[in-house]
Amino acid sequence: MSSGGYDRSELNYPIIMGIVVAIAVFFAAVFIVLPIVYQAGFDQNLLHLEKNMPTPQLDALRLKESEVLTRFEWKNKANQTVYVPIDVAMGTVVDDYRAR
């Protein structure tokens, strides 16, 4: 009846197999199904982004803005106020700070 200190008749094989199957289903869902679902959602987002890509008019506007933001220009010549590109302004501030 008893071998090895326990009674083999108490093992419930259907419950053990149910647990093994549940673990297998869990891992299949996590490592197979979820990545497929995530990729499908990612593809939908990519399609949405492609539909909303900038138009040539928007590209032209951005080019014009870039040109305005990267050149020197008088704001008020009488007061000697100028527009300065941000990278030049930051460099001037850093140089002024280092000179102190």
N, C-alpha and C. Protein backbone atom coordinates (compact mmCIF):
# COMPACT_ATOMS: atom_id res chain seq x y z
N MET A 1 0.80 -1.18 0.00
CA MET A 1 0.00 0.00 0.00
C MET A 1 0.85 1.26 0.00
N SER A 2 1.70 1.38 0.94
CA SER A 2 2.50 2.58 1.10
C SER A 2 3.90 2.31 0.60
N SER A 3 4.37 3.15 -0.33
CA SER A 3 5.74 3.01 -0.78
C SER A 3 6.39 4.38 -0.74
N GLY A 4 7.54 4.46 -0.15
CA GLY A 4 8.25 5.72 -0.05
C GLY A 4 7.66 6.67 0.96
N GLY A 5 6.84 6.26 1.84
CA GLY A 5 6.33 7.12 2.90
C GLY A 5 5.03 7.82 2.57
N TYR A 6 4.43 7.57 1.41
CA TYR A 6 3.14 8.19 1.12
C TYR A 6 2.29 7.22 0.34
N ASP A 7 1.04 7.49 0.30
CA ASP A 7 0.08 6.61 -0.36
C ASP A 7 -0.22 7.18 -1.75
N ARG A 8 0.11 6.46 -2.81
CA ARG A 8 -0.09 6.91 -4.19
C ARG A 8 -1.56 7.08 -4.54
N SER A 9 -2.44 6.49 -3.84
CA SER A 9 -3.86 6.58 -4.15
C SER A 9 -4.41 7.98 -3.85
N GLU A 10 -3.65 8.82 -3.12
CA GLU A 10 -4.13 10.16 -2.82
C GLU A 10 -3.79 11.18 -3.90
N LEU A 11 -2.95 10.83 -4.88
CA LEU A 11 -2.64 11.75 -5.97
C LEU A 11 -3.86 11.89 -6.85
N ASN A 12 -4.22 13.13 -7.15
CA ASN A 12 -5.39 13.40 -7.97
C ASN A 12 -4.91 13.84 -9.34
N TYR A 13 -4.74 12.88 -10.26
CA TYR A 13 -4.18 13.16 -11.56
C TYR A 13 -5.02 14.14 -12.39
N PRO A 14 -6.32 14.11 -12.37
CA PRO A 14 -7.09 15.10 -13.14
C PRO A 14 -6.83 16.54 -12.69
N ILE A 15 -6.67 16.77 -11.41
CA ILE A 15 -6.38 18.12 -10.92
C ILE A 15 -4.99 18.55 -11.34
N ILE A 16 -4.03 17.64 -11.24
CA ILE A 16 -2.66 17.95 -11.64
C ILE A 16 -2.62 18.27 -13.13
N MET A 17 -3.30 17.48 -13.96
CA MET A 17 -3.33 17.74 -15.40
C MET A 17 -4.05 19.06 -15.69
N GLY A 18 -5.08 19.38 -14.94
CA GLY A 18 -5.78 20.66 -15.11
C GLY A 18 -4.85 21.84 -14.82
N ILE A 19 -4.05 21.71 -13.79
CA ILE A 19 -3.09 22.78 -13.44
C ILE A 19 -2.05 22.92 -14.55
N VAL A 20 -1.54 21.79 -15.05
CA VAL A 20 -0.54 21.82 -16.13
C VAL A 20 -1.13 22.47 -17.38
N VAL A 21 -2.36 22.10 -17.73
CA VAL A 21 -3.01 22.69 -18.90
C VAL A 21 -3.24 24.18 -18.69
N ALA A 22 -3.66 24.59 -17.50
CA ALA A 22 -3.88 26.01 -17.21
C ALA A 22 -2.59 26.80 -17.35
N ILE A 23 -1.50 26.25 -16.86
CA ILE A 23 -0.20 26.93 -16.99
C ILE A 23 0.20 27.03 -18.46
N ALA A 24 -0.03 25.97 -19.23
CA ALA A 24 0.30 25.99 -20.66
C ALA A 24 -0.54 27.02 -21.40
N VAL A 25 -1.82 27.12 -21.07
CA VAL A 25 -2.69 28.11 -21.70
C VAL A 25 -2.24 29.52 -21.32
N PHE A 26 -1.86 29.72 -20.08
CA PHE A 26 -1.38 31.03 -19.63
C PHE A 26 -0.15 31.46 -20.43
N PHE A 27 0.84 30.56 -20.52
CA PHE A 27 2.06 30.90 -21.26
C PHE A 27 1.78 31.11 -22.74
N ALA A 28 0.88 30.34 -23.31
CA ALA A 28 0.52 30.54 -24.71
C ALA A 28 -0.11 31.92 -24.91
N ALA A 29 -0.97 32.32 -23.98
CA ALA A 29 -1.61 33.63 -24.09
C ALA A 29 -0.59 34.75 -23.95
N VAL A 30 0.30 34.61 -23.02
CA VAL A 30 1.27 35.68 -22.75
C VAL A 30 2.30 35.79 -23.87
N PHE A 31 2.82 34.68 -24.33
CA PHE A 31 3.94 34.73 -25.27
C PHE A 31 3.56 34.56 -26.74
N ILE A 32 2.31 34.20 -27.03
CA ILE A 32 1.90 34.01 -28.42
C ILE A 32 0.76 34.97 -28.79
N VAL A 33 -0.32 34.93 -28.05
CA VAL A 33 -1.51 35.70 -28.41
C VAL A 33 -1.32 37.19 -28.16
N LEU A 34 -0.81 37.57 -27.00
CA LEU A 34 -0.66 39.00 -26.70
C LEU A 34 0.28 39.72 -27.66
N PRO A 35 1.43 39.16 -28.03
CA PRO A 35 2.26 39.84 -29.02
C PRO A 35 1.56 40.02 -30.37
N ILE A 36 0.76 39.04 -30.78
CA ILE A 36 0.03 39.16 -32.05
C ILE A 36 -0.99 40.29 -31.95
N VAL A 37 -1.72 40.35 -30.85
CA VAL A 37 -2.71 41.41 -30.65
C VAL A 37 -2.02 42.77 -30.58
N TYR A 38 -0.91 42.84 -29.88
CA TYR A 38 -0.17 44.11 -29.77
C TYR A 38 0.32 44.56 -31.14
N GLN A 39 0.86 43.64 -31.94
CA GLN A 39 1.36 44.00 -33.26
C GLN A 39 0.22 44.49 -34.15
N ALA A 40 -0.94 43.89 -34.05
CA ALA A 40 -2.08 44.35 -34.85
C ALA A 40 -2.46 45.77 -34.47
N GLY A 41 -2.46 46.08 -33.18
CA GLY A 41 -2.74 47.44 -32.74
C GLY A 41 -1.67 48.41 -33.19
N PHE A 42 -0.42 47.99 -33.16
CA PHE A 42 0.68 48.83 -33.61
C PHE A 42 0.54 49.14 -35.10
N ASP A 43 0.15 48.13 -35.88
CA ASP A 43 -0.04 48.34 -37.31
C ASP A 43 -1.17 49.33 -37.57
N GLN A 44 -2.23 49.28 -36.77
CA GLN A 44 -3.33 50.24 -36.93
C GLN A 44 -2.86 51.65 -36.62
N ASN A 45 -2.04 51.81 -35.58
CA ASN A 45 -1.50 53.13 -35.26
C ASN A 45 -0.61 53.64 -36.38
N LEU A 46 0.17 52.76 -36.98
CA LEU A 46 1.05 53.15 -38.08
C LEU A 46 0.23 53.60 -39.28
N LEU A 47 -0.85 52.90 -39.58
CA LEU A 47 -1.73 53.31 -40.68
C LEU A 47 -2.35 54.68 -40.39
N HIS A 48 -2.74 54.90 -39.14
CA HIS A 48 -3.31 56.20 -38.75
C HIS A 48 -2.28 57.31 -38.93
N LEU A 49 -1.03 57.06 -38.55
CA LEU A 49 0.02 58.06 -38.71
C LEU A 49 0.29 58.34 -40.18
N GLU A 50 0.27 57.31 -41.01
CA GLU A 50 0.52 57.51 -42.43
C GLU A 50 -0.57 58.36 -43.07
N LYS A 51 -1.82 58.20 -42.62
CA LYS A 51 -2.91 59.02 -43.14
C LYS A 51 -2.74 60.48 -42.76
N ASN A 52 -2.14 60.73 -41.61
CA ASN A 52 -1.99 62.09 -41.11
C ASN A 52 -0.59 62.66 -41.34
N MET A 53 0.10 62.14 -42.34
CA MET A 53 1.43 62.65 -42.64
C MET A 53 1.33 64.09 -43.12
N PRO A 54 2.36 64.87 -42.89
CA PRO A 54 2.32 66.27 -43.31
C PRO A 54 2.14 66.41 -44.82
N THR A 55 1.40 67.41 -45.17
CA THR A 55 1.17 67.71 -46.58
C THR A 55 2.29 68.60 -47.09
N PRO A 56 2.41 68.77 -48.40
CA PRO A 56 3.43 69.68 -48.93
C PRO A 56 3.28 71.11 -48.41
N GLN A 57 2.03 71.55 -48.17
CA GLN A 57 1.82 72.89 -47.63
C GLN A 57 2.39 73.02 -46.22
N LEU A 58 2.21 71.99 -45.43
CA LEU A 58 2.74 72.01 -44.07
C LEU A 58 4.26 71.98 -44.10
N ASP A 59 4.82 71.20 -45.02
CA ASP A 59 6.28 71.17 -45.16
C ASP A 59 6.81 72.55 -45.53
N ALA A 60 6.12 73.24 -46.44
CA ALA A 60 6.54 74.58 -46.85
C ALA A 60 6.46 75.55 -45.68
N LEU A 61 5.40 75.44 -44.87
CA LEU A 61 5.25 76.30 -43.70
C LEU A 61 6.38 76.05 -42.70
N ARG A 62 6.72 74.79 -42.47
CA ARG A 62 7.80 74.47 -41.53
C ARG A 62 9.15 74.98 -42.05
N LEU A 63 9.37 74.91 -43.35
CA LEU A 63 10.60 75.42 -43.93
C LEU A 63 10.69 76.93 -43.74
N LYS A 64 9.57 77.63 -43.97
CA LYS A 64 9.54 79.08 -43.78
C LYS A 64 9.80 79.44 -42.32
N GLU A 65 9.16 78.71 -41.39
CA GLU A 65 9.39 78.96 -39.97
C GLU A 65 10.85 78.73 -39.60
N SER A 66 11.43 77.68 -40.13
CA SER A 66 12.83 77.37 -39.85
C SER A 66 13.74 78.48 -40.34
N GLU A 67 13.45 79.00 -41.51
CA GLU A 67 14.26 80.11 -42.05
C GLU A 67 14.14 81.34 -41.16
N VAL A 68 12.93 81.63 -40.68
CA VAL A 68 12.71 82.80 -39.83
C VAL A 68 13.44 82.63 -38.49
N LEU A 69 13.42 81.41 -37.96
CA LEU A 69 14.00 81.17 -36.64
C LEU A 69 15.52 81.05 -36.65
N THR A 70 16.12 80.95 -37.83
CA THR A 70 17.57 80.77 -37.88
C THR A 70 18.30 81.95 -38.50
N ARG A 71 17.65 83.09 -38.63
CA ARG A 71 18.33 84.25 -39.21
C ARG A 71 18.26 85.44 -38.26
N PHE A 72 19.17 86.35 -38.45
CA PHE A 72 19.18 87.61 -37.72
C PHE A 72 18.24 88.58 -38.43
N GLU A 73 17.48 89.34 -37.63
CA GLU A 73 16.55 90.29 -38.23
C GLU A 73 16.28 91.41 -37.22
N TRP A 74 16.13 92.62 -37.73
CA TRP A 74 15.79 93.73 -36.85
C TRP A 74 14.35 93.59 -36.37
N LYS A 75 14.17 93.72 -35.06
CA LYS A 75 12.82 93.79 -34.52
C LYS A 75 12.41 95.26 -34.49
N ASN A 76 13.30 96.10 -33.97
CA ASN A 76 13.07 97.54 -33.92
C ASN A 76 14.42 98.21 -34.08
N LYS A 77 14.64 98.76 -35.27
CA LYS A 77 15.94 99.34 -35.57
C LYS A 77 16.21 100.57 -34.72
N ALA A 78 15.18 101.34 -34.42
CA ALA A 78 15.36 102.56 -33.63
C ALA A 78 15.84 102.23 -32.21
N ASN A 79 15.32 101.18 -31.64
CA ASN A 79 15.73 100.76 -30.29
C ASN A 79 16.90 99.78 -30.32
N GLN A 80 17.36 99.46 -31.52
CA GLN A 80 18.44 98.50 -31.73
C GLN A 80 18.12 97.14 -31.09
N THR A 81 16.93 96.65 -31.39
CA THR A 81 16.48 95.35 -30.92
C THR A 81 16.45 94.40 -32.11
N VAL A 82 17.06 93.23 -31.94
CA VAL A 82 17.13 92.28 -33.05
C VAL A 82 16.61 90.91 -32.62
N TYR A 83 16.14 90.16 -33.61
CA TYR A 83 15.84 88.74 -33.42
C TYR A 83 17.13 87.99 -33.65
N VAL A 84 17.46 87.08 -32.73
CA VAL A 84 18.70 86.31 -32.81
C VAL A 84 18.32 84.83 -32.75
N PRO A 85 18.93 83.98 -33.58
CA PRO A 85 18.66 82.54 -33.48
C PRO A 85 18.99 82.04 -32.08
N ILE A 86 18.20 81.09 -31.60
CA ILE A 86 18.32 80.62 -30.22
C ILE A 86 19.68 80.01 -29.94
N ASP A 87 20.26 79.29 -30.90
CA ASP A 87 21.57 78.68 -30.64
C ASP A 87 22.66 79.74 -30.50
N VAL A 88 22.55 80.84 -31.26
CA VAL A 88 23.51 81.93 -31.12
C VAL A 88 23.31 82.63 -29.78
N ALA A 89 22.04 82.86 -29.42
CA ALA A 89 21.76 83.52 -28.14
C ALA A 89 22.27 82.69 -26.97
N MET A 90 22.06 81.39 -27.00
CA MET A 90 22.54 80.54 -25.91
C MET A 90 24.06 80.55 -25.85
N GLY A 91 24.70 80.51 -27.00
CA GLY A 91 26.16 80.57 -27.02
C GLY A 91 26.69 81.87 -26.45
N THR A 92 26.01 82.97 -26.77
CA THR A 92 26.42 84.28 -26.24
C THR A 92 26.27 84.32 -24.72
N VAL A 93 25.18 83.79 -24.21
CA VAL A 93 24.96 83.77 -22.76
C VAL A 93 26.03 82.93 -22.08
N VAL A 94 26.36 81.78 -22.65
CA VAL A 94 27.38 80.91 -22.06
C VAL A 94 28.74 81.60 -22.09
N ASP A 95 29.08 82.22 -23.23
CA ASP A 95 30.36 82.92 -23.34
C ASP A 95 30.44 84.06 -22.34
N ASP A 96 29.32 84.79 -22.16
CA ASP A 96 29.29 85.91 -21.21
C ASP A 96 29.47 85.39 -19.78
N TYR A 97 28.85 84.25 -19.48
CA TYR A 97 28.97 83.65 -18.15
C TYR A 97 30.41 83.20 -17.89
N ARG A 98 31.04 82.61 -18.89
CA ARG A 98 32.42 82.13 -18.73
C ARG A 98 33.40 83.30 -18.57
N ALA A 99 33.08 84.44 -19.18
CA ALA A 99 33.96 85.60 -19.11
C ALA A 99 33.96 86.25 -17.74
N ARG A 100 32.99 85.98 -16.94
CA ARG A 100 32.91 86.61 -15.61
C ARG A 100 33.88 86.02 -14.66
